[in-house]
Amino acid sequence: MRFLTHRLGAERLFMSDQVLLSHFAKCRDLSKFLQTTLWEHPDVAVGEKPSGNVSIRSLVMALAQGDRSLFMQGRPNTHWKFWTQAA
């Protein structure tokens, strides 16, 4: 998925916010809290736990406090080139 997003472009793979929300009648008035393609994804294959990850922990804090500025990217590794090794 990461490679396809990079190669084809996110706009060709993912629905727009408007189209996505149109599928959920009760959610049509929701606003986007945060959008990013850069975060430090935990490498669970080598034992990293999401609960110890700066991006995940800060996202939880940002959501709990309703403050998107609390989100921290950490060291972004979401580009497909970081995950070329097969597990």
N, C-alpha and C. Protein backbone atom coordinates (compact mmCIF):
# COMPACT_ATOMS: atom_id res chain seq x y z
N MET A 1 0.82 -1.18 0.00
CA MET A 1 0.00 0.00 0.00
C MET A 1 0.88 1.25 0.00
N ARG A 2 1.92 1.24 0.81
CA ARG A 2 2.80 2.41 0.84
C ARG A 2 3.41 2.66 -0.54
N PHE A 3 3.87 1.59 -1.18
CA PHE A 3 4.49 1.73 -2.50
C PHE A 3 3.47 2.26 -3.51
N LEU A 4 2.26 1.69 -3.50
CA LEU A 4 1.23 2.13 -4.44
C LEU A 4 0.86 3.59 -4.23
N THR A 5 0.77 3.99 -2.98
CA THR A 5 0.47 5.39 -2.69
C THR A 5 1.54 6.29 -3.27
N HIS A 6 2.80 5.89 -3.07
CA HIS A 6 3.92 6.66 -3.60
C HIS A 6 3.91 6.67 -5.12
N ARG A 7 3.72 5.50 -5.71
CA ARG A 7 3.83 5.34 -7.16
C ARG A 7 2.66 5.96 -7.92
N LEU A 8 1.44 5.72 -7.44
CA LEU A 8 0.25 6.17 -8.16
C LEU A 8 -0.30 7.50 -7.66
N GLY A 9 0.01 7.83 -6.43
CA GLY A 9 -0.54 9.04 -5.82
C GLY A 9 -1.75 8.73 -4.98
N ALA A 10 -1.81 9.32 -3.82
CA ALA A 10 -2.91 9.05 -2.88
C ALA A 10 -4.27 9.36 -3.48
N GLU A 11 -4.35 10.38 -4.32
CA GLU A 11 -5.64 10.77 -4.89
C GLU A 11 -6.24 9.67 -5.76
N ARG A 12 -5.42 8.76 -6.26
CA ARG A 12 -5.93 7.66 -7.09
C ARG A 12 -6.30 6.44 -6.26
N LEU A 13 -5.88 6.40 -5.00
CA LEU A 13 -6.15 5.23 -4.16
C LEU A 13 -7.18 5.46 -3.07
N PHE A 14 -7.33 6.69 -2.63
CA PHE A 14 -8.18 6.96 -1.47
C PHE A 14 -9.31 7.90 -1.82
N MET A 15 -10.45 7.71 -1.16
CA MET A 15 -11.60 8.59 -1.35
C MET A 15 -11.32 9.96 -0.75
N SER A 16 -11.93 10.97 -1.33
CA SER A 16 -11.85 12.30 -0.72
C SER A 16 -12.66 12.28 0.57
N ASP A 17 -12.43 13.25 1.43
CA ASP A 17 -13.18 13.34 2.69
C ASP A 17 -14.67 13.39 2.42
N GLN A 18 -15.06 14.18 1.46
CA GLN A 18 -16.47 14.36 1.14
C GLN A 18 -17.11 13.05 0.68
N VAL A 19 -16.44 12.31 -0.19
CA VAL A 19 -16.98 11.04 -0.67
C VAL A 19 -17.04 10.02 0.47
N LEU A 20 -16.00 9.95 1.26
CA LEU A 20 -15.98 9.01 2.38
C LEU A 20 -17.13 9.29 3.34
N LEU A 21 -17.29 10.53 3.75
CA LEU A 21 -18.36 10.87 4.69
C LEU A 21 -19.74 10.68 4.10
N SER A 22 -19.88 10.75 2.79
CA SER A 22 -21.18 10.57 2.16
C SER A 22 -21.71 9.15 2.35
N HIS A 23 -20.84 8.21 2.68
CA HIS A 23 -21.25 6.82 2.91
C HIS A 23 -21.78 6.60 4.33
N PHE A 24 -21.65 7.59 5.18
CA PHE A 24 -22.06 7.45 6.59
C PHE A 24 -22.95 8.64 6.96
N ALA A 25 -24.25 8.43 6.85
CA ALA A 25 -25.22 9.52 7.01
C ALA A 25 -25.04 10.28 8.33
N LYS A 26 -24.75 9.59 9.41
CA LYS A 26 -24.63 10.25 10.72
C LYS A 26 -23.30 10.99 10.89
N CYS A 27 -22.40 10.84 9.96
CA CYS A 27 -21.07 11.43 10.09
C CYS A 27 -20.81 12.56 9.10
N ARG A 28 -21.78 12.93 8.33
CA ARG A 28 -21.56 13.92 7.26
C ARG A 28 -21.08 15.27 7.75
N ASP A 29 -21.35 15.60 9.01
CA ASP A 29 -20.95 16.90 9.54
C ASP A 29 -19.62 16.85 10.31
N LEU A 30 -18.98 15.71 10.30
CA LEU A 30 -17.69 15.61 10.99
C LEU A 30 -16.63 16.44 10.28
N SER A 31 -15.71 16.96 11.06
CA SER A 31 -14.58 17.66 10.46
C SER A 31 -13.32 16.83 10.72
N LYS A 32 -12.37 16.99 9.85
CA LYS A 32 -11.12 16.25 9.96
C LYS A 32 -10.33 16.74 11.17
N PHE A 33 -9.87 15.81 11.98
CA PHE A 33 -9.06 16.19 13.14
C PHE A 33 -7.60 16.35 12.76
N LEU A 34 -7.09 15.40 11.99
CA LEU A 34 -5.68 15.41 11.64
C LEU A 34 -5.48 14.55 10.40
N GLN A 35 -4.59 14.97 9.53
CA GLN A 35 -4.22 14.16 8.38
C GLN A 35 -2.71 14.27 8.21
N THR A 36 -2.07 13.14 8.04
CA THR A 36 -0.64 13.12 7.83
C THR A 36 -0.24 11.88 7.05
N THR A 37 0.83 11.98 6.33
CA THR A 37 1.43 10.79 5.71
C THR A 37 2.80 10.53 6.32
N LEU A 38 3.15 11.34 7.30
CA LEU A 38 4.46 11.20 7.95
C LEU A 38 4.28 10.94 9.44
N TRP A 39 4.69 9.75 9.86
CA TRP A 39 4.70 9.43 11.27
C TRP A 39 5.70 8.30 11.47
N GLU A 40 6.03 8.06 12.72
CA GLU A 40 6.94 6.96 13.04
C GLU A 40 6.10 5.72 13.29
N HIS A 41 6.09 4.85 12.32
CA HIS A 41 5.31 3.61 12.41
C HIS A 41 6.10 2.60 13.22
N PRO A 42 5.49 1.99 14.25
CA PRO A 42 6.22 1.00 15.03
C PRO A 42 6.52 -0.26 14.20
N ASP A 43 7.72 -0.77 14.35
CA ASP A 43 8.11 -1.99 13.66
C ASP A 43 7.83 -3.17 14.59
N VAL A 44 6.59 -3.64 14.54
CA VAL A 44 6.19 -4.71 15.46
C VAL A 44 6.91 -6.02 15.16
N ALA A 45 7.45 -6.17 13.96
CA ALA A 45 8.18 -7.39 13.61
C ALA A 45 9.45 -7.55 14.44
N VAL A 46 9.98 -6.44 14.94
CA VAL A 46 11.19 -6.52 15.77
C VAL A 46 10.89 -6.20 17.23
N GLY A 47 9.60 -6.24 17.57
CA GLY A 47 9.21 -6.10 18.97
C GLY A 47 8.82 -4.70 19.42
N GLU A 48 8.83 -3.73 18.52
CA GLU A 48 8.39 -2.39 18.92
C GLU A 48 6.88 -2.42 19.16
N LYS A 49 6.46 -1.84 20.25
CA LYS A 49 5.04 -1.84 20.59
C LYS A 49 4.42 -0.48 20.28
N PRO A 50 3.23 -0.49 19.71
CA PRO A 50 2.56 0.79 19.46
C PRO A 50 2.43 1.65 20.71
N SER A 51 2.26 1.01 21.86
CA SER A 51 2.10 1.76 23.11
C SER A 51 3.36 2.51 23.51
N GLY A 52 4.51 2.16 22.94
CA GLY A 52 5.74 2.85 23.24
C GLY A 52 6.17 3.82 22.14
N ASN A 53 5.33 3.99 21.16
CA ASN A 53 5.67 4.80 19.98
C ASN A 53 5.23 6.24 20.16
N VAL A 54 6.14 7.17 19.88
CA VAL A 54 5.86 8.60 20.08
C VAL A 54 4.69 9.08 19.22
N SER A 55 4.59 8.62 17.99
CA SER A 55 3.50 9.06 17.12
C SER A 55 2.15 8.57 17.64
N ILE A 56 2.08 7.30 18.01
CA ILE A 56 0.82 6.73 18.50
C ILE A 56 0.43 7.37 19.82
N ARG A 57 1.38 7.47 20.74
CA ARG A 57 1.09 8.05 22.05
C ARG A 57 0.65 9.51 21.94
N SER A 58 1.32 10.27 21.08
CA SER A 58 0.95 11.67 20.95
C SER A 58 -0.40 11.82 20.24
N LEU A 59 -0.73 10.91 19.33
CA LEU A 59 -2.03 10.95 18.68
C LEU A 59 -3.14 10.70 19.70
N VAL A 60 -2.93 9.73 20.57
CA VAL A 60 -3.91 9.44 21.62
C VAL A 60 -4.10 10.68 22.51
N MET A 61 -3.00 11.32 22.89
CA MET A 61 -3.07 12.51 23.73
C MET A 61 -3.78 13.65 22.99
N ALA A 62 -3.46 13.84 21.71
CA ALA A 62 -4.10 14.89 20.92
C ALA A 62 -5.60 14.67 20.83
N LEU A 63 -6.01 13.43 20.59
CA LEU A 63 -7.44 13.11 20.51
C LEU A 63 -8.12 13.32 21.85
N ALA A 64 -7.49 12.86 22.91
CA ALA A 64 -8.08 12.97 24.25
C ALA A 64 -8.27 14.44 24.66
N GLN A 65 -7.32 15.29 24.26
CA GLN A 65 -7.39 16.69 24.66
C GLN A 65 -8.00 17.59 23.58
N GLY A 66 -8.30 17.01 22.43
CA GLY A 66 -8.89 17.78 21.34
C GLY A 66 -7.95 18.84 20.79
N ASP A 67 -6.66 18.53 20.80
CA ASP A 67 -5.65 19.51 20.38
C ASP A 67 -4.69 18.85 19.40
N ARG A 68 -4.92 19.05 18.11
CA ARG A 68 -4.10 18.40 17.08
C ARG A 68 -2.63 18.81 17.13
N SER A 69 -2.33 19.94 17.75
CA SER A 69 -0.93 20.39 17.83
C SER A 69 -0.08 19.49 18.73
N LEU A 70 -0.72 18.62 19.50
CA LEU A 70 0.02 17.71 20.38
C LEU A 70 0.59 16.51 19.62
N PHE A 71 0.12 16.28 18.40
CA PHE A 71 0.63 15.16 17.61
C PHE A 71 2.08 15.41 17.22
N MET A 72 2.92 14.39 17.42
CA MET A 72 4.33 14.47 17.04
C MET A 72 4.63 13.36 16.04
N GLN A 73 5.31 13.71 14.96
CA GLN A 73 5.64 12.74 13.91
C GLN A 73 6.65 11.71 14.38
N GLY A 74 7.48 12.07 15.30
CA GLY A 74 8.61 11.21 15.64
C GLY A 74 9.60 11.24 14.49
N ARG A 75 10.22 10.11 14.21
CA ARG A 75 11.12 10.01 13.04
C ARG A 75 10.34 9.29 11.94
N PRO A 76 9.75 10.05 11.02
CA PRO A 76 8.89 9.44 10.00
C PRO A 76 9.59 8.31 9.23
N ASN A 77 8.89 7.20 9.13
CA ASN A 77 9.40 6.04 8.40
C ASN A 77 8.30 5.39 7.56
N THR A 78 7.32 6.17 7.17
CA THR A 78 6.17 5.61 6.46
C THR A 78 6.36 5.52 4.95
N HIS A 79 7.40 6.11 4.43
CA HIS A 79 7.69 5.99 3.00
C HIS A 79 8.05 4.53 2.71
N TRP A 80 7.60 4.00 1.59
CA TRP A 80 7.82 2.59 1.26
C TRP A 80 9.28 2.19 1.27
N LYS A 81 10.19 3.11 1.00
CA LYS A 81 11.62 2.75 0.93
C LYS A 81 12.17 2.29 2.27
N PHE A 82 11.47 2.64 3.37
CA PHE A 82 11.92 2.20 4.69
C PHE A 82 11.52 0.75 4.99
N TRP A 83 10.66 0.17 4.17
CA TRP A 83 10.09 -1.16 4.46
C TRP A 83 10.32 -2.12 3.28
N THR A 84 11.50 -2.11 2.72
CA THR A 84 11.77 -2.96 1.56
C THR A 84 12.15 -4.38 1.94
N GLN A 85 12.54 -4.61 3.16
CA GLN A 85 12.92 -5.95 3.62
C GLN A 85 11.66 -6.77 3.92
N ALA A 86 11.56 -7.94 3.36
CA ALA A 86 10.42 -8.83 3.68
C ALA A 86 10.66 -9.47 5.03
N ALA A 87 9.62 -9.57 5.81
CA ALA A 87 9.73 -10.16 7.16
C ALA A 87 9.77 -11.68 7.07
